[in-house]
Amino acid sequence: MRAFSFLLAMVAVTFVIEGSEAQDKPAVKAEQFTYRVFGLFSADREKDLREVFKELPDIKLVGVNYDEGEITVEMVPAKAFPSAKPEQVLERLDQKVRAETRSTFAVGPRRTIARDKLEQVVIPIVGLDCKACSLAAYEMIARLDGVDRVTASFKEGKVTALIDPTKTDKAKLEDVYRKRGVQLGKP
């Protein structure tokens, strides 16, 4: 009986010590990160994006900047991605977002060129008449080198892109569409 009492006392002391050690550790604060988001081709897609983040544990969407094509998230990286090194956090977040959306949204690094160095081009597209068509038109050029931001409006029948004119131009983007059988409208 004495050995059992001693064992219970040791267990109680262990809990007290572990409990006080946990209290001594400072709480890890969540950090905010801003990333480029792909798939936000129209303003109404913001609702879809917000729904996605409701399904991602330990990651909170705190802001969407539609005009810049960026999101701000809040998380504790070590909790959201326990085995990830700091340089792997963006990659892991992208993987989660892609998996949750069947790759209709993706996350990447922020732009590296100043916005005032970008040029806006507008490309009218015939038959751009639904959300799925807009997504397809968006995806054809969104990740091309020199393309920074793309929106696609089936209501207006056009794609608008912010491009780095040192890397691409309107003619190159139009060629991408033509090669894929997309009929361009008149400006």
C-alpha atoms as a PDB file:
ATOM      1  CA  MET A   1       0.000   0.000   0.000  1.00  0.00           C
ATOM      2  CA  ARG A   2       2.870   2.311   0.858  1.00  0.00           C
ATOM      3  CA  ALA A   3       4.443   1.759  -2.582  1.00  0.00           C
ATOM      4  CA  PHE A   4       1.129   2.562  -4.245  1.00  0.00           C
ATOM      5  CA  SER A   5       0.804   5.828  -2.267  1.00  0.00           C
ATOM      6  CA  PHE A   6       4.364   6.725  -3.206  1.00  0.00           C
ATOM      7  CA  LEU A   7       3.573   6.071  -6.881  1.00  0.00           C
ATOM      8  CA  LEU A   8       0.441   8.244  -6.736  1.00  0.00           C
ATOM      9  CA  ALA A   9       2.458  11.036  -5.100  1.00  0.00           C
ATOM     10  CA  MET A  10       5.088  10.829  -7.860  1.00  0.00           C
ATOM     11  CA  VAL A  11       2.410  11.018 -10.570  1.00  0.00           C
ATOM     12  CA  ALA A  12       0.865  14.063  -8.868  1.00  0.00           C
ATOM     13  CA  VAL A  13       4.282  15.774  -8.624  1.00  0.00           C
ATOM     14  CA  THR A  14       4.926  15.035 -12.304  1.00  0.00           C
ATOM     15  CA  PHE A  15       1.631  16.653 -13.323  1.00  0.00           C
ATOM     16  CA  VAL A  16       2.359  19.712 -11.188  1.00  0.00           C
ATOM     17  CA  ILE A  17       5.863  20.080 -12.656  1.00  0.00           C
ATOM     18  CA  GLU A  18       4.693  19.563 -16.249  1.00  0.00           C
ATOM     19  CA  GLY A  19       1.806  21.953 -15.682  1.00  0.00           C
ATOM     20  CA  SER A  20       4.081  24.672 -14.335  1.00  0.00           C
ATOM     21  CA  GLU A  21       6.524  24.167 -17.230  1.00  0.00           C
ATOM     22  CA  ALA A  22       3.689  24.638 -19.698  1.00  0.00           C
ATOM     23  CA  GLN A  23       2.734  27.859 -17.943  1.00  0.00           C
ATOM     24  CA  ASP A  24       6.342  29.074 -18.121  1.00  0.00           C
ATOM     25  CA  LYS A  25       6.420  28.685 -21.921  1.00  0.00           C
ATOM     26  CA  PRO A  26       5.309  31.842 -23.701  1.00  0.00           C
ATOM     27  CA  ALA A  27       2.267  31.454 -25.914  1.00  0.00           C
ATOM     28  CA  VAL A  28       3.194  31.346 -29.582  1.00  0.00           C
ATOM     29  CA  LYS A  29       1.509  34.243 -31.359  1.00  0.00           C
ATOM     30  CA  ALA A  30      -0.052  33.845 -34.742  1.00  0.00           C
ATOM     31  CA  GLU A  31       1.686  35.686 -37.557  1.00  0.00           C
ATOM     32  CA  GLN A  32       0.204  37.305 -40.641  1.00  0.00           C
ATOM     33  CA  PHE A  33       1.496  36.544 -44.123  1.00  0.00           C
ATOM     34  CA  THR A  34       0.492  38.080 -47.448  1.00  0.00           C
ATOM     35  CA  TYR A  35       0.633  35.994 -50.611  1.00  0.00           C
ATOM     36  CA  ARG A  36      -0.390  36.201 -54.237  1.00  0.00           C
ATOM     37  CA  VAL A  37      -3.509  34.174 -54.973  1.00  0.00           C
ATOM     38  CA  PHE A  38      -4.302  32.518 -58.285  1.00  0.00           C
ATOM     39  CA  GLY A  39      -7.886  31.791 -59.330  1.00  0.00           C
ATOM     40  CA  LEU A  40      -9.359  35.072 -58.105  1.00  0.00           C
ATOM     41  CA  PHE A  41     -10.301  36.081 -61.645  1.00  0.00           C
ATOM     42  CA  SER A  42     -13.536  37.867 -60.741  1.00  0.00           C
ATOM     43  CA  ALA A  43     -14.854  39.646 -57.673  1.00  0.00           C
ATOM     44  CA  ASP A  44     -17.533  37.019 -57.075  1.00  0.00           C
ATOM     45  CA  ARG A  45     -14.799  34.374 -56.588  1.00  0.00           C
ATOM     46  CA  GLU A  46     -13.877  36.004 -53.267  1.00  0.00           C
ATOM     47  CA  LYS A  47     -16.842  34.257 -51.632  1.00  0.00           C
ATOM     48  CA  ASP A  48     -15.580  30.903 -52.966  1.00  0.00           C
ATOM     49  CA  LEU A  49     -12.106  31.633 -51.613  1.00  0.00           C
ATOM     50  CA  ARG A  50     -13.446  32.509 -48.164  1.00  0.00           C
ATOM     51  CA  GLU A  51     -15.358  29.217 -48.066  1.00  0.00           C
ATOM     52  CA  VAL A  52     -12.146  27.327 -48.843  1.00  0.00           C
ATOM     53  CA  PHE A  53     -10.337  28.803 -45.862  1.00  0.00           C
ATOM     54  CA  LYS A  54     -13.164  27.782 -43.523  1.00  0.00           C
ATOM     55  CA  GLU A  55     -12.089  24.201 -44.284  1.00  0.00           C
ATOM     56  CA  LEU A  56      -8.382  24.735 -43.548  1.00  0.00           C
ATOM     57  CA  PRO A  57      -7.620  24.137 -39.865  1.00  0.00           C
ATOM     58  CA  ASP A  58      -5.094  26.405 -38.151  1.00  0.00           C
ATOM     59  CA  ILE A  59      -5.128  28.939 -41.014  1.00  0.00           C
ATOM     60  CA  LYS A  60      -7.341  32.020 -40.888  1.00  0.00           C
ATOM     61  CA  LEU A  61      -8.035  34.180 -43.927  1.00  0.00           C
ATOM     62  CA  VAL A  62      -7.943  37.739 -42.588  1.00  0.00           C
ATOM     63  CA  GLY A  63      -8.016  39.713 -45.817  1.00  0.00           C
ATOM     64  CA  VAL A  64      -8.537  39.560 -49.561  1.00  0.00           C
ATOM     65  CA  ASN A  65      -7.223  42.307 -51.823  1.00  0.00           C
ATOM     66  CA  TYR A  66      -8.987  41.611 -55.091  1.00  0.00           C
ATOM     67  CA  ASP A  67      -7.340  44.484 -56.978  1.00  0.00           C
ATOM     68  CA  GLU A  68      -3.846  43.226 -56.129  1.00  0.00           C
ATOM     69  CA  GLY A  69      -4.744  39.535 -56.319  1.00  0.00           C
ATOM     70  CA  GLU A  70      -3.452  38.940 -52.804  1.00  0.00           C
ATOM     71  CA  ILE A  71      -4.602  37.360 -49.574  1.00  0.00           C
ATOM     72  CA  THR A  72      -3.469  37.818 -45.998  1.00  0.00           C
ATOM     73  CA  VAL A  73      -3.606  34.786 -43.733  1.00  0.00           C
ATOM     74  CA  GLU A  74      -2.949  34.373 -40.040  1.00  0.00           C
ATOM     75  CA  MET A  75      -1.380  31.243 -38.609  1.00  0.00           C
ATOM     76  CA  VAL A  76       1.243  29.734 -36.398  1.00  0.00           C
ATOM     77  CA  PRO A  77       3.371  28.049 -39.076  1.00  0.00           C
ATOM     78  CA  ALA A  78       4.671  25.355 -36.690  1.00  0.00           C
ATOM     79  CA  LYS A  79       1.083  24.422 -35.805  1.00  0.00           C
ATOM     80  CA  ALA A  80      -0.359  24.619 -39.324  1.00  0.00           C
ATOM     81  CA  PHE A  81       2.590  22.780 -40.887  1.00  0.00           C
ATOM     82  CA  PRO A  82       4.397  20.946 -38.059  1.00  0.00           C
ATOM     83  CA  SER A  83       7.223  19.394 -40.057  1.00  0.00           C
ATOM     84  CA  ALA A  84       7.787  22.301 -42.457  1.00  0.00           C
ATOM     85  CA  LYS A  85      10.873  24.464 -42.446  1.00  0.00           C
ATOM     86  CA  PRO A  86      10.145  28.208 -42.743  1.00  0.00           C
ATOM     87  CA  GLU A  87      11.005  28.212 -46.446  1.00  0.00           C
ATOM     88  CA  GLN A  88       8.452  25.407 -47.016  1.00  0.00           C
ATOM     89  CA  VAL A  89       5.429  27.130 -45.461  1.00  0.00           C
ATOM     90  CA  LEU A  90       4.243  28.794 -48.689  1.00  0.00           C
ATOM     91  CA  GLU A  91       4.603  25.532 -50.614  1.00  0.00           C
ATOM     92  CA  ARG A  92       2.584  23.640 -47.991  1.00  0.00           C
ATOM     93  CA  LEU A  93      -0.118  26.310 -47.910  1.00  0.00           C
ATOM     94  CA  ASP A  94      -0.343  26.156 -51.705  1.00  0.00           C
ATOM     95  CA  GLN A  95      -0.691  22.358 -51.549  1.00  0.00           C
ATOM     96  CA  LYS A  96      -3.532  22.626 -49.008  1.00  0.00           C
ATOM     97  CA  VAL A  97      -5.380  25.286 -51.002  1.00  0.00           C
ATOM     98  CA  ARG A  98      -4.997  23.348 -54.266  1.00  0.00           C
ATOM     99  CA  ALA A  99      -6.173  20.114 -52.656  1.00  0.00           C
ATOM    100  CA  GLU A 100      -9.217  21.778 -51.117  1.00  0.00           C
ATOM    101  CA  THR A 101     -10.224  23.472 -54.406  1.00  0.00           C
ATOM    102  CA  ARG A 102      -9.233  20.870 -56.996  1.00  0.00           C
ATOM    103  CA  SER A 103      -6.603  23.386 -58.127  1.00  0.00           C
ATOM    104  CA  THR A 104      -9.020  26.216 -58.938  1.00  0.00           C
ATOM    105  CA  PHE A 105      -7.147  28.355 -56.398  1.00  0.00           C
ATOM    106  CA  ALA A 106      -3.433  28.416 -55.675  1.00  0.00           C
ATOM    107  CA  VAL A 107      -1.066  30.536 -53.595  1.00  0.00           C
ATOM    108  CA  GLY A 108       2.326  31.945 -54.533  1.00  0.00           C
ATOM    109  CA  PRO A 109       4.825  34.617 -53.603  1.00  0.00           C
ATOM    110  CA  ARG A 110       3.948  38.287 -53.903  1.00  0.00           C
ATOM    111  CA  ARG A 111       4.933  40.257 -56.979  1.00  0.00           C
ATOM    112  CA  THR A 112       8.491  41.491 -57.181  1.00  0.00           C
ATOM    113  CA  ILE A 113       7.931  44.330 -59.648  1.00  0.00           C
ATOM    114  CA  ALA A 114       6.354  47.661 -58.693  1.00  0.00           C
ATOM    115  CA  ARG A 115       2.771  48.026 -59.891  1.00  0.00           C
ATOM    116  CA  ASP A 116       3.550  51.292 -61.678  1.00  0.00           C
ATOM    117  CA  LYS A 117       5.964  49.352 -63.907  1.00  0.00           C
ATOM    118  CA  LEU A 118       3.137  47.100 -65.126  1.00  0.00           C
ATOM    119  CA  GLU A 119       1.001  47.726 -68.184  1.00  0.00           C
ATOM    120  CA  GLN A 120      -2.694  46.898 -68.447  1.00  0.00           C
ATOM    121  CA  VAL A 121      -3.917  45.095 -71.550  1.00  0.00           C
ATOM    122  CA  VAL A 122      -7.495  44.197 -72.415  1.00  0.00           C
ATOM    123  CA  ILE A 123      -8.334  41.291 -74.696  1.00  0.00           C
ATOM    124  CA  PRO A 124     -11.939  40.870 -75.896  1.00  0.00           C
ATOM    125  CA  ILE A 125     -12.949  37.221 -76.237  1.00  0.00           C
ATOM    126  CA  VAL A 126     -15.910  35.892 -78.207  1.00  0.00           C
ATOM    127  CA  GLY A 127     -17.952  33.275 -76.344  1.00  0.00           C
ATOM    128  CA  LEU A 128     -16.744  34.210 -72.897  1.00  0.00           C
ATOM    129  CA  ASP A 129     -20.213  33.684 -71.474  1.00  0.00           C
ATOM    130  CA  CYS A 130     -19.990  31.811 -68.182  1.00  0.00           C
ATOM    131  CA  LYS A 131     -17.914  31.454 -65.029  1.00  0.00           C
ATOM    132  CA  ALA A 132     -16.257  28.240 -66.255  1.00  0.00           C
ATOM    133  CA  CYS A 133     -15.266  29.909 -69.543  1.00  0.00           C
ATOM    134  CA  SER A 134     -13.831  32.817 -67.566  1.00  0.00           C
ATOM    135  CA  LEU A 135     -11.780  30.440 -65.435  1.00  0.00           C
ATOM    136  CA  ALA A 136     -10.447  28.719 -68.555  1.00  0.00           C
ATOM    137  CA  ALA A 137      -9.537  32.039 -70.201  1.00  0.00           C
ATOM    138  CA  TYR A 138      -7.875  33.148 -66.990  1.00  0.00           C
ATOM    139  CA  GLU A 139      -5.864  29.951 -66.574  1.00  0.00           C
ATOM    140  CA  MET A 140      -4.520  30.100 -70.135  1.00  0.00           C
ATOM    141  CA  ILE A 141      -2.411  33.162 -69.353  1.00  0.00           C
ATOM    142  CA  ALA A 142      -2.333  33.669 -65.567  1.00  0.00           C
ATOM    143  CA  ARG A 143       0.962  31.848 -64.996  1.00  0.00           C
ATOM    144  CA  LEU A 144       2.831  32.986 -68.091  1.00  0.00           C
ATOM    145  CA  ASP A 145       6.131  34.734 -67.542  1.00  0.00           C
ATOM    146  CA  GLY A 146       5.519  38.465 -67.358  1.00  0.00           C
ATOM    147  CA  VAL A 147       1.839  38.188 -66.451  1.00  0.00           C
ATOM    148  CA  ASP A 148       1.203  39.579 -62.996  1.00  0.00           C
ATOM    149  CA  ARG A 149      -2.562  39.756 -62.543  1.00  0.00           C
ATOM    150  CA  VAL A 150      -5.479  38.611 -64.685  1.00  0.00           C
ATOM    151  CA  THR A 151      -9.212  39.090 -64.420  1.00  0.00           C
ATOM    152  CA  ALA A 152     -11.826  37.617 -66.726  1.00  0.00           C
ATOM    153  CA  SER A 153     -15.365  38.901 -67.046  1.00  0.00           C
ATOM    154  CA  PHE A 154     -17.970  36.883 -68.879  1.00  0.00           C
ATOM    155  CA  LYS A 155     -20.408  39.776 -68.380  1.00  0.00           C
ATOM    156  CA  GLU A 156     -18.088  42.069 -70.334  1.00  0.00           C
ATOM    157  CA  GLY A 157     -16.581  39.368 -72.581  1.00  0.00           C
ATOM    158  CA  LYS A 158     -13.002  40.352 -71.873  1.00  0.00           C
ATOM    159  CA  VAL A 159      -9.798  39.419 -70.104  1.00  0.00           C
ATOM    160  CA  THR A 160      -7.756  42.153 -68.455  1.00  0.00           C
ATOM    161  CA  ALA A 161      -4.118  41.536 -67.582  1.00  0.00           C
ATOM    162  CA  LEU A 162      -1.383  43.460 -65.823  1.00  0.00           C
ATOM    163  CA  ILE A 163       1.857  42.582 -67.547  1.00  0.00           C
ATOM    164  CA  ASP A 164       5.539  43.342 -67.283  1.00  0.00           C
ATOM    165  CA  PRO A 165       6.170  44.883 -70.716  1.00  0.00           C
ATOM    166  CA  THR A 166       9.826  43.855 -70.562  1.00  0.00           C
ATOM    167  CA  LYS A 167       8.763  40.183 -70.582  1.00  0.00           C
ATOM    168  CA  THR A 168       5.557  39.955 -72.610  1.00  0.00           C
ATOM    169  CA  ASP A 169       3.009  41.981 -74.553  1.00  0.00           C
ATOM    170  CA  LYS A 170      -0.599  41.896 -75.681  1.00  0.00           C
ATOM    171  CA  ALA A 171       0.260  40.168 -78.977  1.00  0.00           C
ATOM    172  CA  LYS A 172       1.921  37.246 -77.159  1.00  0.00           C
ATOM    173  CA  LEU A 173      -1.122  36.783 -74.933  1.00  0.00           C
ATOM    174  CA  GLU A 174      -3.461  36.918 -77.922  1.00  0.00           C
ATOM    175  CA  ASP A 175      -1.312  34.281 -79.643  1.00  0.00           C
ATOM    176  CA  VAL A 176      -1.766  31.964 -76.657  1.00  0.00           C
ATOM    177  CA  TYR A 177      -5.529  32.266 -77.042  1.00  0.00           C
ATOM    178  CA  ARG A 178      -5.458  31.776 -80.812  1.00  0.00           C
ATOM    179  CA  LYS A 179      -3.282  28.653 -80.501  1.00  0.00           C
ATOM    180  CA  ARG A 180      -5.901  27.199 -78.156  1.00  0.00           C
ATOM    181  CA  GLY A 181      -8.726  27.932 -80.582  1.00  0.00           C
ATOM    182  CA  VAL A 182     -10.160  30.929 -78.733  1.00  0.00           C
ATOM    183  CA  GLN A 183     -11.798  33.492 -80.971  1.00  0.00           C
ATOM    184  CA  LEU A 184     -10.814  37.044 -80.124  1.00  0.00           C
ATOM    185  CA  GLY A 185     -13.270  39.905 -80.325  1.00  0.00           C
ATOM    186  CA  LYS A 186     -12.750  43.339 -81.751  1.00  0.00           C
ATOM    187  CA  PRO A 187     -11.277  45.974 -79.442  1.00  0.00           C
END
